[in-house]
Amino acid sequence: MDGTRFFYADAVARQVMQNQLVAHGSTLDDVFAVAQRANLALAAILRAFIDVRDQ
């Protein structure tokens, strides 16, 4: 029972998220694309911070 309840809870959360995305004309791929751009921006900021800190 412990192993399956998390599976069903995750499935419900995923379905709710998917429904909200579709309702707003977006997809999960759109979310991943935004997350990827945010990660790239943060990486550049961290790289610049490390470079300045090390000088």
C-alpha atoms as a PDB file:
ATOM      1  CA  MET A   1       0.000   0.000   0.000  1.00  0.00           C
ATOM      2  CA  ASP A   2       2.796   2.454   0.803  1.00  0.00           C
ATOM      3  CA  GLY A   3       4.371   1.934  -2.616  1.00  0.00           C
ATOM      4  CA  THR A   4       1.162   2.527  -4.558  1.00  0.00           C
ATOM      5  CA  ARG A   5      -0.242   5.520  -2.694  1.00  0.00           C
ATOM      6  CA  PHE A   6       2.644   7.729  -3.831  1.00  0.00           C
ATOM      7  CA  PHE A   7       2.181   6.520  -7.388  1.00  0.00           C
ATOM      8  CA  TYR A   8      -1.494   7.511  -7.344  1.00  0.00           C
ATOM      9  CA  ALA A   9      -0.806  10.801  -5.565  1.00  0.00           C
ATOM     10  CA  ASP A  10       1.832  11.658  -8.172  1.00  0.00           C
ATOM     11  CA  ALA A  11      -0.512  10.655 -10.987  1.00  0.00           C
ATOM     12  CA  VAL A  12      -3.252  12.927  -9.641  1.00  0.00           C
ATOM     13  CA  ALA A  13      -0.856  15.867  -9.196  1.00  0.00           C
ATOM     14  CA  ARG A  14       0.486  15.360 -12.712  1.00  0.00           C
ATOM     15  CA  GLN A  15      -3.016  15.225 -14.185  1.00  0.00           C
ATOM     16  CA  VAL A  16      -4.070  18.406 -12.374  1.00  0.00           C
ATOM     17  CA  MET A  17      -0.965  20.177 -13.651  1.00  0.00           C
ATOM     18  CA  GLN A  18      -1.554  18.891 -17.176  1.00  0.00           C
ATOM     19  CA  ASN A  19      -5.178  20.067 -17.087  1.00  0.00           C
ATOM     20  CA  GLN A  20      -4.111  23.545 -15.928  1.00  0.00           C
ATOM     21  CA  LEU A  21      -1.476  23.776 -18.647  1.00  0.00           C
ATOM     22  CA  VAL A  22      -3.949  22.753 -21.346  1.00  0.00           C
ATOM     23  CA  ALA A  23      -6.522  25.217 -19.989  1.00  0.00           C
ATOM     24  CA  HIS A  24      -3.969  28.003 -20.427  1.00  0.00           C
ATOM     25  CA  GLY A  25      -2.775  26.870 -23.848  1.00  0.00           C
ATOM     26  CA  SER A  26       0.560  25.509 -22.660  1.00  0.00           C
ATOM     27  CA  THR A  27       2.281  22.154 -22.521  1.00  0.00           C
ATOM     28  CA  LEU A  28       4.728  20.466 -20.207  1.00  0.00           C
ATOM     29  CA  ASP A  29       7.365  21.016 -22.892  1.00  0.00           C
ATOM     30  CA  ASP A  30       6.723  24.773 -22.574  1.00  0.00           C
ATOM     31  CA  VAL A  31       7.379  24.553 -18.826  1.00  0.00           C
ATOM     32  CA  PHE A  32      10.588  22.607 -19.424  1.00  0.00           C
ATOM     33  CA  ALA A  33      11.738  25.176 -21.992  1.00  0.00           C
ATOM     34  CA  VAL A  34      11.247  28.016 -19.500  1.00  0.00           C
ATOM     35  CA  ALA A  35      13.037  26.023 -16.794  1.00  0.00           C
ATOM     36  CA  GLN A  36      15.949  25.364 -19.149  1.00  0.00           C
ATOM     37  CA  ARG A  37      16.283  29.067 -19.993  1.00  0.00           C
ATOM     38  CA  ALA A  38      16.147  29.944 -16.286  1.00  0.00           C
ATOM     39  CA  ASN A  39      18.857  27.381 -15.530  1.00  0.00           C
ATOM     40  CA  LEU A  40      21.092  28.805 -18.258  1.00  0.00           C
ATOM     41  CA  ALA A  41      20.599  32.328 -16.924  1.00  0.00           C
ATOM     42  CA  LEU A  42      21.380  31.239 -13.362  1.00  0.00           C
ATOM     43  CA  ALA A  43      24.463  29.365 -14.527  1.00  0.00           C
ATOM     44  CA  ALA A  44      25.778  32.525 -16.209  1.00  0.00           C
ATOM     45  CA  ILE A  45      25.139  34.578 -13.066  1.00  0.00           C
ATOM     46  CA  LEU A  46      26.883  32.022 -10.867  1.00  0.00           C
ATOM     47  CA  ARG A  47      29.814  31.788 -13.279  1.00  0.00           C
ATOM     48  CA  ALA A  48      30.219  35.591 -13.213  1.00  0.00           C
ATOM     49  CA  PHE A  49      29.965  35.662  -9.419  1.00  0.00           C
ATOM     50  CA  ILE A  50      32.655  32.992  -9.063  1.00  0.00           C
ATOM     51  CA  ASP A  51      34.913  34.816 -11.526  1.00  0.00           C
ATOM     52  CA  VAL A  52      34.557  38.125  -9.655  1.00  0.00           C
ATOM     53  CA  ARG A  53      34.964  36.475  -6.262  1.00  0.00           C
ATOM     54  CA  ASP A  54      38.181  34.752  -7.318  1.00  0.00           C
ATOM     55  CA  GLN A  55      39.832  37.972  -8.559  1.00  0.00           C
END
